[in-house]
C-alpha atoms as a PDB file:
ATOM      1  CA  UNK A   1       0.009   0.039   0.037  1.00  0.00           C
ATOM      2  CA  UNK A   2       2.839   2.404   0.829  1.00  0.00           C
ATOM      3  CA  UNK A   3       4.493   2.310  -2.548  1.00  0.00           C
ATOM      4  CA  UNK A   4       1.025   2.952  -4.224  1.00  0.00           C
ATOM      5  CA  UNK A   5       0.388   5.996  -1.876  1.00  0.00           C
ATOM      6  CA  UNK A   6       3.782   7.408  -2.843  1.00  0.00           C
ATOM      7  CA  UNK A   7       3.137   6.819  -6.511  1.00  0.00           C
ATOM      8  CA  UNK A   8      -0.182   8.769  -6.281  1.00  0.00           C
ATOM      9  CA  UNK A   9       1.494  11.586  -4.613  1.00  0.00           C
ATOM     10  CA  UNK A  10       4.158  11.815  -7.251  1.00  0.00           C
ATOM     11  CA  UNK A  11       1.620  11.817 -10.011  1.00  0.00           C
ATOM     12  CA  UNK A  12      -0.006  14.862  -8.271  1.00  0.00           C
ATOM     13  CA  UNK A  13       3.198  16.725  -7.731  1.00  0.00           C
ATOM     14  CA  UNK A  14       3.226  20.307  -8.949  1.00  0.00           C
ATOM     15  CA  UNK A  15       6.725  21.912  -9.164  1.00  0.00           C
ATOM     16  CA  UNK A  16       5.365  25.435  -9.288  1.00  0.00           C
ATOM     17  CA  UNK A  17       3.087  24.982  -6.144  1.00  0.00           C
ATOM     18  CA  UNK A  18       6.101  23.313  -4.465  1.00  0.00           C
ATOM     19  CA  UNK A  19       8.186  26.410  -5.031  1.00  0.00           C
ATOM     20  CA  UNK A  20       5.442  28.613  -3.654  1.00  0.00           C
ATOM     21  CA  UNK A  21       5.019  26.428  -0.652  1.00  0.00           C
ATOM     22  CA  UNK A  22       8.711  26.161   0.038  1.00  0.00           C
ATOM     23  CA  UNK A  23       8.793  30.010   0.408  1.00  0.00           C
ATOM     24  CA  UNK A  24       5.582  30.110   2.417  1.00  0.00           C
ATOM     25  CA  UNK A  25       6.763  27.598   4.936  1.00  0.00           C
ATOM     26  CA  UNK A  26      10.315  29.191   5.246  1.00  0.00           C
ATOM     27  CA  UNK A  27      12.482  26.277   4.050  1.00  0.00           C
ATOM     28  CA  UNK A  28      15.616  28.305   3.200  1.00  0.00           C
ATOM     29  CA  UNK A  29      18.828  27.907   5.190  1.00  0.00           C
ATOM     30  CA  UNK A  30      18.423  29.336   8.664  1.00  0.00           C
ATOM     31  CA  UNK A  31      14.684  29.613   8.487  1.00  0.00           C
ATOM     32  CA  UNK A  32      12.376  27.568  10.776  1.00  0.00           C
ATOM     33  CA  UNK A  33      11.530  25.053   8.015  1.00  0.00           C
ATOM     34  CA  UNK A  34      14.955  24.515   6.754  1.00  0.00           C
ATOM     35  CA  UNK A  35      15.217  21.313   4.768  1.00  0.00           C
ATOM     36  CA  UNK A  36      11.493  20.710   4.380  1.00  0.00           C
ATOM     37  CA  UNK A  37      10.710  19.452   0.926  1.00  0.00           C
ATOM     38  CA  UNK A  38       7.375  20.005  -0.873  1.00  0.00           C
ATOM     39  CA  UNK A  39       5.774  18.085  -3.853  1.00  0.00           C
ATOM     40  CA  UNK A  40       3.215  20.890  -4.365  1.00  0.00           C
ATOM     41  CA  UNK A  41       0.103  19.012  -3.468  1.00  0.00           C
ATOM     42  CA  UNK A  42      -3.008  20.792  -1.943  1.00  0.00           C
ATOM     43  CA  UNK A  43      -4.365  19.790   1.483  1.00  0.00           C
ATOM     44  CA  UNK A  44      -7.796  18.730   0.066  1.00  0.00           C
ATOM     45  CA  UNK A  45      -5.953  16.436  -2.338  1.00  0.00           C
ATOM     46  CA  UNK A  46      -3.983  14.984   0.528  1.00  0.00           C
ATOM     47  CA  UNK A  47      -7.056  14.431   2.657  1.00  0.00           C
ATOM     48  CA  UNK A  48      -8.602  12.519  -0.197  1.00  0.00           C
ATOM     49  CA  UNK A  49      -5.525  10.329  -0.403  1.00  0.00           C
ATOM     50  CA  UNK A  50      -5.378   9.824   3.288  1.00  0.00           C
ATOM     51  CA  UNK A  51      -8.835   8.344   3.324  1.00  0.00           C
ATOM     52  CA  UNK A  52      -7.794   5.709   0.890  1.00  0.00           C
ATOM     53  CA  UNK A  53      -4.987   4.495   3.130  1.00  0.00           C
ATOM     54  CA  UNK A  54      -6.452   4.398   6.630  1.00  0.00           C
ATOM     55  CA  UNK A  55      -5.134   0.910   7.090  1.00  0.00           C
ATOM     56  CA  UNK A  56      -1.462   1.732   7.043  1.00  0.00           C
ATOM     57  CA  UNK A  57       0.292   0.342  10.060  1.00  0.00           C
ATOM     58  CA  UNK A  58       2.227   2.477  12.553  1.00  0.00           C
ATOM     59  CA  UNK A  59       5.428   1.095  11.064  1.00  0.00           C
ATOM     60  CA  UNK A  60       4.400   2.380   7.594  1.00  0.00           C
ATOM     61  CA  UNK A  61       3.398   5.742   9.138  1.00  0.00           C
ATOM     62  CA  UNK A  62       6.652   5.929  10.707  1.00  0.00           C
ATOM     63  CA  UNK A  63       8.314   5.667   7.426  1.00  0.00           C
ATOM     64  CA  UNK A  64       6.150   8.489   6.009  1.00  0.00           C
ATOM     65  CA  UNK A  65       6.898  10.659   9.135  1.00  0.00           C
ATOM     66  CA  UNK A  66      10.639  10.070   8.762  1.00  0.00           C
ATOM     67  CA  UNK A  67      10.705  11.569   5.278  1.00  0.00           C
ATOM     68  CA  UNK A  68      11.801  15.124   4.364  1.00  0.00           C
ATOM     69  CA  UNK A  69       8.835  15.358   2.093  1.00  0.00           C
ATOM     70  CA  UNK A  70       6.213  17.560   3.839  1.00  0.00           C
ATOM     71  CA  UNK A  71       3.236  15.886   2.156  1.00  0.00           C
ATOM     72  CA  UNK A  72       4.295  12.430   3.366  1.00  0.00           C
ATOM     73  CA  UNK A  73       4.444  13.661   6.940  1.00  0.00           C
ATOM     74  CA  UNK A  74       1.121  15.549   6.700  1.00  0.00           C
ATOM     75  CA  UNK A  75      -0.740  12.468   5.195  1.00  0.00           C
ATOM     76  CA  UNK A  76       0.842  10.325   7.937  1.00  0.00           C
ATOM     77  CA  UNK A  77      -0.760  12.642  10.671  1.00  0.00           C
ATOM     78  CA  UNK A  78      -4.067  12.696   8.936  1.00  0.00           C
ATOM     79  CA  UNK A  79      -4.208   8.947   8.959  1.00  0.00           C
ATOM     80  CA  UNK A  80      -2.996   8.957  12.519  1.00  0.00           C
ATOM     81  CA  UNK A  81      -5.747  11.263  13.615  1.00  0.00           C
ATOM     82  CA  UNK A  82      -8.312   8.980  11.812  1.00  0.00           C
ATOM     83  CA  UNK A  83      -6.829   5.930  13.580  1.00  0.00           C
ATOM     84  CA  UNK A  84      -6.984   7.684  16.887  1.00  0.00           C
ATOM     85  CA  UNK A  85     -10.642   8.542  16.622  1.00  0.00           C
ATOM     86  CA  UNK A  86     -11.637   4.954  15.976  1.00  0.00           C
ATOM     87  CA  UNK A  87      -9.202   3.202  18.415  1.00  0.00           C
ATOM     88  CA  UNK A  88     -10.016   1.890  21.836  1.00  0.00           C
ATOM     89  CA  UNK A  89      -8.405   3.129  25.040  1.00  0.00           C
ATOM     90  CA  UNK A  90      -5.316   0.909  24.544  1.00  0.00           C
ATOM     91  CA  UNK A  91      -5.021   1.889  20.876  1.00  0.00           C
ATOM     92  CA  UNK A  92      -5.320   5.569  21.709  1.00  0.00           C
ATOM     93  CA  UNK A  93      -2.463   5.268  24.193  1.00  0.00           C
ATOM     94  CA  UNK A  94      -0.273   3.517  21.671  1.00  0.00           C
ATOM     95  CA  UNK A  95      -1.008   6.248  19.136  1.00  0.00           C
ATOM     96  CA  UNK A  96      -0.309   9.102  21.648  1.00  0.00           C
ATOM     97  CA  UNK A  97       3.129   7.678  22.554  1.00  0.00           C
ATOM     98  CA  UNK A  98       3.837   7.101  18.930  1.00  0.00           C
ATOM     99  CA  UNK A  99       3.084  10.789  18.405  1.00  0.00           C
ATOM    100  CA  UNK A 100       5.249  11.873  21.258  1.00  0.00           C
ATOM    101  CA  UNK A 101       8.108   9.768  19.840  1.00  0.00           C
ATOM    102  CA  UNK A 102       7.787  11.690  16.644  1.00  0.00           C
ATOM    103  CA  UNK A 103       7.657  15.283  17.746  1.00  0.00           C
ATOM    104  CA  UNK A 104      10.917  16.052  15.917  1.00  0.00           C
ATOM    105  CA  UNK A 105       9.189  15.026  12.709  1.00  0.00           C
ATOM    106  CA  UNK A 106       6.126  17.203  13.312  1.00  0.00           C
ATOM    107  CA  UNK A 107       8.239  20.050  12.332  1.00  0.00           C
ATOM    108  CA  UNK A 108       6.306  22.738  10.672  1.00  0.00           C
ATOM    109  CA  UNK A 109       3.380  24.730  11.966  1.00  0.00           C
ATOM    110  CA  UNK A 110       0.707  23.308   9.840  1.00  0.00           C
ATOM    111  CA  UNK A 111       1.684  19.812  10.909  1.00  0.00           C
ATOM    112  CA  UNK A 112       1.509  20.790  14.554  1.00  0.00           C
ATOM    113  CA  UNK A 113      -1.808  22.730  14.262  1.00  0.00           C
ATOM    114  CA  UNK A 114      -3.728  19.962  12.442  1.00  0.00           C
ATOM    115  CA  UNK A 115      -2.564  17.156  14.833  1.00  0.00           C
ATOM    116  CA  UNK A 116      -1.700  18.352  18.321  1.00  0.00           C
ATOM    117  CA  UNK A 117      -5.178  18.922  19.757  1.00  0.00           C
ATOM    118  CA  UNK A 118      -6.761  15.931  18.029  1.00  0.00           C
ATOM    119  CA  UNK A 119      -4.132  13.435  19.367  1.00  0.00           C
ATOM    120  CA  UNK A 120      -2.138  14.616  22.364  1.00  0.00           C
ATOM    121  CA  UNK A 121      -4.596  17.131  23.673  1.00  0.00           C
ATOM    122  CA  UNK A 122      -7.587  14.714  23.320  1.00  0.00           C
ATOM    123  CA  UNK A 123      -5.696  11.923  25.091  1.00  0.00           C
ATOM    124  CA  UNK A 124      -4.683  14.219  28.042  1.00  0.00           C
ATOM    125  CA  UNK A 125      -8.197  15.639  28.650  1.00  0.00           C
ATOM    126  CA  UNK A 126      -8.772  13.361  31.637  1.00  0.00           C
ATOM    127  CA  UNK A 127      -5.053  12.559  32.470  1.00  0.00           C
ATOM    128  CA  UNK A 128      -2.119  14.202  33.991  1.00  0.00           C
ATOM    129  CA  UNK A 129      -1.145  16.978  31.587  1.00  0.00           C
ATOM    130  CA  UNK A 130       2.247  17.740  33.096  1.00  0.00           C
ATOM    131  CA  UNK A 131       4.004  16.505  29.960  1.00  0.00           C
ATOM    132  CA  UNK A 132       2.723  19.641  28.202  1.00  0.00           C
ATOM    133  CA  UNK A 133       4.773  21.755  30.650  1.00  0.00           C
ATOM    134  CA  UNK A 134       7.801  19.692  29.816  1.00  0.00           C
ATOM    135  CA  UNK A 135       7.240  20.172  26.160  1.00  0.00           C
ATOM    136  CA  UNK A 136       6.671  23.976  26.697  1.00  0.00           C
ATOM    137  CA  UNK A 137      10.156  24.236  28.170  1.00  0.00           C
ATOM    138  CA  UNK A 138      11.836  22.324  25.343  1.00  0.00           C
ATOM    139  CA  UNK A 139      14.493  23.881  23.223  1.00  0.00           C
ATOM    140  CA  UNK A 140      12.732  22.430  20.195  1.00  0.00           C
ATOM    141  CA  UNK A 141      10.328  25.110  18.608  1.00  0.00           C
ATOM    142  CA  UNK A 142       7.868  22.556  17.482  1.00  0.00           C
ATOM    143  CA  UNK A 143       7.559  20.778  20.843  1.00  0.00           C
ATOM    144  CA  UNK A 144       6.768  24.189  22.478  1.00  0.00           C
ATOM    145  CA  UNK A 145       4.055  24.799  19.845  1.00  0.00           C
ATOM    146  CA  UNK A 146       2.764  21.189  20.251  1.00  0.00           C
ATOM    147  CA  UNK A 147       2.343  22.014  24.074  1.00  0.00           C
ATOM    148  CA  UNK A 148       0.167  25.135  23.646  1.00  0.00           C
ATOM    149  CA  UNK A 149      -1.762  23.876  20.624  1.00  0.00           C
ATOM    150  CA  UNK A 150      -2.651  20.605  22.344  1.00  0.00           C
ATOM    151  CA  UNK A 151      -4.582  22.655  24.864  1.00  0.00           C
ATOM    152  CA  UNK A 152      -7.098  23.668  22.241  1.00  0.00           C
ATOM    153  CA  UNK A 153      -8.820  20.305  23.141  1.00  0.00           C
ATOM    154  CA  UNK A 154      -9.203  21.489  26.710  1.00  0.00           C
ATOM    155  CA  UNK A 155     -10.538  24.899  25.723  1.00  0.00           C
ATOM    156  CA  UNK A 156     -13.248  23.323  23.687  1.00  0.00           C
ATOM    157  CA  UNK A 157     -14.482  21.822  26.915  1.00  0.00           C
ATOM    158  CA  UNK A 158     -14.277  25.145  28.793  1.00  0.00           C
ATOM    159  CA  UNK A 159     -11.057  24.084  30.634  1.00  0.00           C
ATOM    160  CA  UNK A 160      -8.720  26.969  30.665  1.00  0.00           C
ATOM    161  CA  UNK A 161      -6.120  26.336  33.420  1.00  0.00           C
ATOM    162  CA  UNK A 162      -3.563  24.491  31.286  1.00  0.00           C
ATOM    163  CA  UNK A 163      -3.637  26.967  28.522  1.00  0.00           C
ATOM    164  CA  UNK A 164      -3.349  29.966  30.838  1.00  0.00           C
ATOM    165  CA  UNK A 165      -0.286  28.180  32.664  1.00  0.00           C
ATOM    166  CA  UNK A 166       1.505  27.479  29.448  1.00  0.00           C
ATOM    167  CA  UNK A 167       0.783  31.022  28.118  1.00  0.00           C
ATOM    168  CA  UNK A 168       2.531  32.398  31.134  1.00  0.00           C
ATOM    169  CA  UNK A 169       5.455  30.086  30.610  1.00  0.00           C
ATOM    170  CA  UNK A 170       5.783  31.113  27.082  1.00  0.00           C
ATOM    171  CA  UNK A 171       5.541  34.834  27.485  1.00  0.00           C
ATOM    172  CA  UNK A 172       9.226  35.312  27.004  1.00  0.00           C
ATOM    173  CA  UNK A 173       9.600  32.887  24.133  1.00  0.00           C
ATOM    174  CA  UNK A 174      11.842  34.368  21.427  1.00  0.00           C
ATOM    175  CA  UNK A 175       9.937  32.891  18.422  1.00  0.00           C
ATOM    176  CA  UNK A 176       7.021  34.526  16.682  1.00  0.00           C
ATOM    177  CA  UNK A 177       5.469  31.135  15.852  1.00  0.00           C
ATOM    178  CA  UNK A 178       5.057  30.648  19.576  1.00  0.00           C
ATOM    179  CA  UNK A 179       3.795  34.218  20.112  1.00  0.00           C
ATOM    180  CA  UNK A 180       1.115  33.557  17.445  1.00  0.00           C
ATOM    181  CA  UNK A 181       0.096  30.153  18.809  1.00  0.00           C
ATOM    182  CA  UNK A 182      -0.254  31.613  22.416  1.00  0.00           C
ATOM    183  CA  UNK A 183      -2.244  34.558  21.207  1.00  0.00           C
ATOM    184  CA  UNK A 184      -4.501  32.282  19.158  1.00  0.00           C
ATOM    185  CA  UNK A 185      -5.220  30.033  22.110  1.00  0.00           C
ATOM    186  CA  UNK A 186      -5.925  33.083  24.378  1.00  0.00           C
ATOM    187  CA  UNK A 187      -8.354  34.391  21.690  1.00  0.00           C
ATOM    188  CA  UNK A 188     -10.052  30.919  21.739  1.00  0.00           C
ATOM    189  CA  UNK A 189     -10.433  31.188  25.548  1.00  0.00           C
ATOM    190  CA  UNK A 190     -11.989  34.681  25.021  1.00  0.00           C
ATOM    191  CA  UNK A 191     -14.538  33.029  22.601  1.00  0.00           C
ATOM    192  CA  UNK A 192     -15.681  30.905  25.456  1.00  0.00           C
ATOM    193  CA  UNK A 193     -15.171  33.273  28.339  1.00  0.00           C
ATOM    194  CA  UNK A 194     -13.903  36.794  27.686  1.00  0.00           C
ATOM    195  CA  UNK A 195     -13.664  37.592  31.322  1.00  0.00           C
ATOM    196  CA  UNK A 196     -11.147  34.803  31.841  1.00  0.00           C
ATOM    197  CA  UNK A 197      -8.996  35.987  28.978  1.00  0.00           C
ATOM    198  CA  UNK A 198      -9.027  39.527  30.196  1.00  0.00           C
ATOM    199  CA  UNK A 199      -7.978  38.550  33.697  1.00  0.00           C
ATOM    200  CA  UNK A 200      -4.871  37.014  32.101  1.00  0.00           C
ATOM    201  CA  UNK A 201      -4.272  39.966  29.751  1.00  0.00           C
ATOM    202  CA  UNK A 202      -4.522  42.508  32.673  1.00  0.00           C
ATOM    203  CA  UNK A 203      -1.905  40.697  34.417  1.00  0.00           C
ATOM    204  CA  UNK A 204       0.509  40.115  31.471  1.00  0.00           C
ATOM    205  CA  UNK A 205      -0.397  42.397  28.596  1.00  0.00           C
ATOM    206  CA  UNK A 206       2.281  44.950  29.304  1.00  0.00           C
ATOM    207  CA  UNK A 207       5.095  42.382  28.779  1.00  0.00           C
ATOM    208  CA  UNK A 208       3.444  40.268  26.055  1.00  0.00           C
ATOM    209  CA  UNK A 209       5.174  40.250  22.650  1.00  0.00           C
ATOM    210  CA  UNK A 210       3.118  42.598  20.430  1.00  0.00           C
ATOM    211  CA  UNK A 211       2.076  39.870  17.960  1.00  0.00           C
ATOM    212  CA  UNK A 212       0.894  37.676  20.793  1.00  0.00           C
ATOM    213  CA  UNK A 213      -1.261  40.416  22.154  1.00  0.00           C
ATOM    214  CA  UNK A 214      -2.545  41.304  18.680  1.00  0.00           C
ATOM    215  CA  UNK A 215      -3.759  37.761  18.132  1.00  0.00           C
ATOM    216  CA  UNK A 216      -5.248  37.536  21.580  1.00  0.00           C
ATOM    217  CA  UNK A 217      -7.337  40.720  21.247  1.00  0.00           C
ATOM    218  CA  UNK A 218      -8.374  40.310  17.675  1.00  0.00           C
ATOM    219  CA  UNK A 219     -12.068  39.847  18.430  1.00  0.00           C
ATOM    220  CA  UNK A 220     -12.239  42.839  20.930  1.00  0.00           C
ATOM    221  CA  UNK A 221     -13.981  46.065  19.816  1.00  0.00           C
ATOM    222  CA  UNK A 222     -11.837  48.744  18.311  1.00  0.00           C
ATOM    223  CA  UNK A 223     -11.676  50.947  21.436  1.00  0.00           C
ATOM    224  CA  UNK A 224     -10.514  48.031  23.705  1.00  0.00           C
ATOM    225  CA  UNK A 225      -7.960  46.811  21.064  1.00  0.00           C
ATOM    226  CA  UNK A 226      -6.447  50.265  20.903  1.00  0.00           C
ATOM    227  CA  UNK A 227      -6.177  50.510  24.692  1.00  0.00           C
ATOM    228  CA  UNK A 228      -4.396  47.236  25.059  1.00  0.00           C
ATOM    229  CA  UNK A 229      -1.951  48.018  22.175  1.00  0.00           C
ATOM    230  CA  UNK A 230      -1.219  51.349  23.653  1.00  0.00           C
ATOM    231  CA  UNK A 231      -0.401  49.434  26.917  1.00  0.00           C
ATOM    232  CA  UNK A 232      -2.457  51.827  28.925  1.00  0.00           C
END
């Protein structure tokens, strides 16, 4: 099955789109996506192919995740999410630990954002979530983003404590991809309970990176946004 999947992807490859995606996902030397390779296949196309290969084993998914080709890794994660949703408790635990063992391969923001809350976040909803704090302190950019994005699963259930704790931990992070992710999750809290979000903001907004703050207050009215941005 794996050779056939790769064959289908090669047939869909579009060099022009690949070049555009390589620039969009910052793959040049020294950039966050350095070394990432694209075939130039749209996400809807990849989702369709992933549906055809739901029965790939974890060993086969490991081969895809270990590839430098971005689409291979994305399809592996799409299949992994599908497997997780239909697995029993034992299967979900196996998939979660498989995910954690591959965080170094989940190494661009789209890969993190489409998978972290569906797998790790979902698994930890009723379990000890301390592993997220460990990931948030990692030197690896993607593990830090996985940590905060995993809490999206908690936010959907009106559980904000983990997100707020990690947001505080990550206030001084140096990477804008973390600033954006934290601001995004704070905004999602605000959708559920704006008072909770504003309690956090009042405590921290003066030292928040500007892009984090901008993301967090995006849904506020114009007057309130201006007040926060002026750090009054």
